[in-house]
C-alpha atoms as a PDB file:
ATOM      1  CA  MET A   1      -0.565  14.789 -44.541  1.00  0.00           C
ATOM      2  CA  GLY A   2       0.408  12.247 -42.136  1.00  0.00           C
ATOM      3  CA  HIS A   3       0.084   8.344 -42.328  1.00  0.00           C
ATOM      4  CA  SER A   4       0.140   6.080 -39.120  1.00  0.00           C
ATOM      5  CA  PHE A   5       2.973   7.030 -36.926  1.00  0.00           C
ATOM      6  CA  GLY A   6       3.408  10.238 -38.852  1.00  0.00           C
ATOM      7  CA  THR A   7       0.064  11.444 -37.769  1.00  0.00           C
ATOM      8  CA  PHE A   8       1.670  12.252 -34.235  1.00  0.00           C
ATOM      9  CA  ASN A   9       3.964  14.899 -35.909  1.00  0.00           C
ATOM     10  CA  THR A  10       1.120  16.032 -38.036  1.00  0.00           C
ATOM     11  CA  THR A  11      -1.223  16.821 -35.090  1.00  0.00           C
ATOM     12  CA  TRP A  12       1.722  18.181 -33.068  1.00  0.00           C
ATOM     13  CA  ILE A  13       2.231  20.723 -35.869  1.00  0.00           C
ATOM     14  CA  ALA A  14      -1.427  21.558 -36.051  1.00  0.00           C
ATOM     15  CA  LYS A  15      -1.893  22.359 -32.355  1.00  0.00           C
ATOM     16  CA  TYR A  16       1.250  24.316 -31.666  1.00  0.00           C
ATOM     17  CA  ARG A  17       1.878  25.961 -35.216  1.00  0.00           C
ATOM     18  CA  PRO A  18      -1.859  26.544 -36.270  1.00  0.00           C
ATOM     19  CA  ASN A  19      -0.742  29.690 -38.542  1.00  0.00           C
ATOM     20  CA  ILE A  20       1.347  27.321 -40.831  1.00  0.00           C
ATOM     21  CA  VAL A  21      -1.432  24.500 -41.452  1.00  0.00           C
ATOM     22  CA  HIS A  22      -4.169  25.384 -43.754  1.00  0.00           C
ATOM     23  CA  SER A  23      -5.570  21.749 -43.805  1.00  0.00           C
ATOM     24  CA  MET A  24      -4.872  18.476 -42.830  1.00  0.00           C
ATOM     25  CA  CYS A  25      -5.214  14.658 -43.945  1.00  0.00           C
ATOM     26  CA  LEU A  26      -4.637  12.005 -41.653  1.00  0.00           C
ATOM     27  CA  LEU A  27      -4.367   8.265 -43.163  1.00  0.00           C
ATOM     28  CA  ASP A  28      -4.868   5.592 -40.890  1.00  0.00           C
ATOM     29  CA  PRO A  29      -4.074   7.759 -37.859  1.00  0.00           C
ATOM     30  CA  VAL A  30      -2.576   6.169 -34.834  1.00  0.00           C
ATOM     31  CA  CYS A  31      -2.587   9.208 -32.756  1.00  0.00           C
ATOM     32  CA  LEU A  32      -6.504   9.308 -32.255  1.00  0.00           C
ATOM     33  CA  LEU A  33      -7.883   7.636 -29.134  1.00  0.00           C
ATOM     34  CA  LEU A  34      -4.704   5.867 -28.293  1.00  0.00           C
ATOM     35  CA  HIS A  35      -4.879   7.232 -24.792  1.00  0.00           C
ATOM     36  CA  LEU A  36      -7.911   4.764 -23.940  1.00  0.00           C
ATOM     37  CA  PRO A  37      -6.413   1.554 -22.002  1.00  0.00           C
ATOM     38  CA  LYS A  38      -8.011  -1.167 -24.055  1.00  0.00           C
ATOM     39  CA  LEU A  39      -7.300   0.352 -27.245  1.00  0.00           C
ATOM     40  CA  ALA A  40      -3.541   0.924 -26.227  1.00  0.00           C
ATOM     41  CA  TYR A  41      -3.346  -2.722 -24.944  1.00  0.00           C
ATOM     42  CA  GLN A  42      -4.857  -4.295 -27.997  1.00  0.00           C
ATOM     43  CA  PHE A  43      -2.570  -2.086 -30.175  1.00  0.00           C
ATOM     44  CA  CYS A  44       0.537  -2.891 -28.401  1.00  0.00           C
ATOM     45  CA  TYR A  45       0.126  -6.235 -26.585  1.00  0.00           C
ATOM     46  CA  LYS A  46      -2.879  -8.509 -28.151  1.00  0.00           C
ATOM     47  CA  PRO A  47      -1.594 -10.741 -30.847  1.00  0.00           C
ATOM     48  CA  ALA A  48      -3.556 -10.742 -33.904  1.00  0.00           C
ATOM     49  CA  SER A  49      -6.559 -12.979 -34.245  1.00  0.00           C
ATOM     50  CA  TRP A  50      -7.157 -12.560 -38.300  1.00  0.00           C
ATOM     51  CA  SER A  51      -7.094 -15.473 -40.453  1.00  0.00           C
ATOM     52  CA  TRP A  52      -5.087 -14.942 -43.588  1.00  0.00           C
ATOM     53  CA  ASP A  53      -8.075 -14.761 -45.661  1.00  0.00           C
ATOM     54  CA  GLU A  54      -9.437 -11.884 -43.512  1.00  0.00           C
ATOM     55  CA  LEU A  55      -5.961 -10.104 -43.751  1.00  0.00           C
ATOM     56  CA  SER A  56      -5.682 -10.538 -47.569  1.00  0.00           C
ATOM     57  CA  THR A  57      -9.162  -9.336 -48.143  1.00  0.00           C
ATOM     58  CA  THR A  58      -8.628  -6.322 -45.882  1.00  0.00           C
ATOM     59  CA  ILE A  59      -5.190  -5.525 -47.548  1.00  0.00           C
ATOM     60  CA  ARG A  60      -6.612  -5.702 -50.999  1.00  0.00           C
ATOM     61  CA  TYR A  61      -9.711  -3.306 -49.911  1.00  0.00           C
ATOM     62  CA  PHE A  62      -7.135  -0.964 -48.242  1.00  0.00           C
ATOM     63  CA  TRP A  63      -4.926  -0.657 -51.289  1.00  0.00           C
ATOM     64  CA  PHE A  64      -7.894  -0.223 -53.616  1.00  0.00           C
ATOM     65  CA  ALA A  65      -8.933   2.791 -51.453  1.00  0.00           C
ATOM     66  CA  VAL A  66      -5.519   4.377 -51.236  1.00  0.00           C
ATOM     67  CA  THR A  67      -5.227   3.926 -54.867  1.00  0.00           C
ATOM     68  CA  TYR A  68      -8.558   5.374 -55.826  1.00  0.00           C
ATOM     69  CA  LEU A  69      -7.729   8.240 -53.318  1.00  0.00           C
ATOM     70  CA  PHE A  70      -4.418   9.351 -54.911  1.00  0.00           C
ATOM     71  CA  VAL A  71      -5.242   8.560 -58.597  1.00  0.00           C
ATOM     72  CA  PHE A  72      -8.851  10.036 -58.829  1.00  0.00           C
ATOM     73  CA  GLU A  73      -9.273  12.533 -56.014  1.00  0.00           C
ATOM     74  CA  LEU A  74      -5.570  13.913 -55.392  1.00  0.00           C
ATOM     75  CA  GLN A  75      -4.274  13.862 -58.758  1.00  0.00           C
ATOM     76  CA  PRO A  76      -5.534  17.406 -59.694  1.00  0.00           C
ATOM     77  CA  TYR A  77      -3.493  18.889 -57.005  1.00  0.00           C
ATOM     78  CA  PHE A  78      -0.292  17.494 -58.036  1.00  0.00           C
ATOM     79  CA  LEU A  79       1.853  18.406 -61.032  1.00  0.00           C
ATOM     80  CA  CYS A  80       2.493  15.351 -63.176  1.00  0.00           C
ATOM     81  CA  PHE A  81       4.818  15.200 -65.893  1.00  0.00           C
END
């Protein structure tokens, strides 16, 4: 599993050591399509243009989605005490 900047490591391992990777989960992947000039510029240099209301709403939806993913979808795969 890789998140954000960690997706670079995850995809590198999947590419160069496929024998040790059974499946892969990328959360908020930065590594995909970053080679496109417009996307790279917006990622690195363009100032944010969101209002606080839009940002807080996005953060609430993101945390709801992540919480749902871990609590209801991935929990059976982890040993919980």
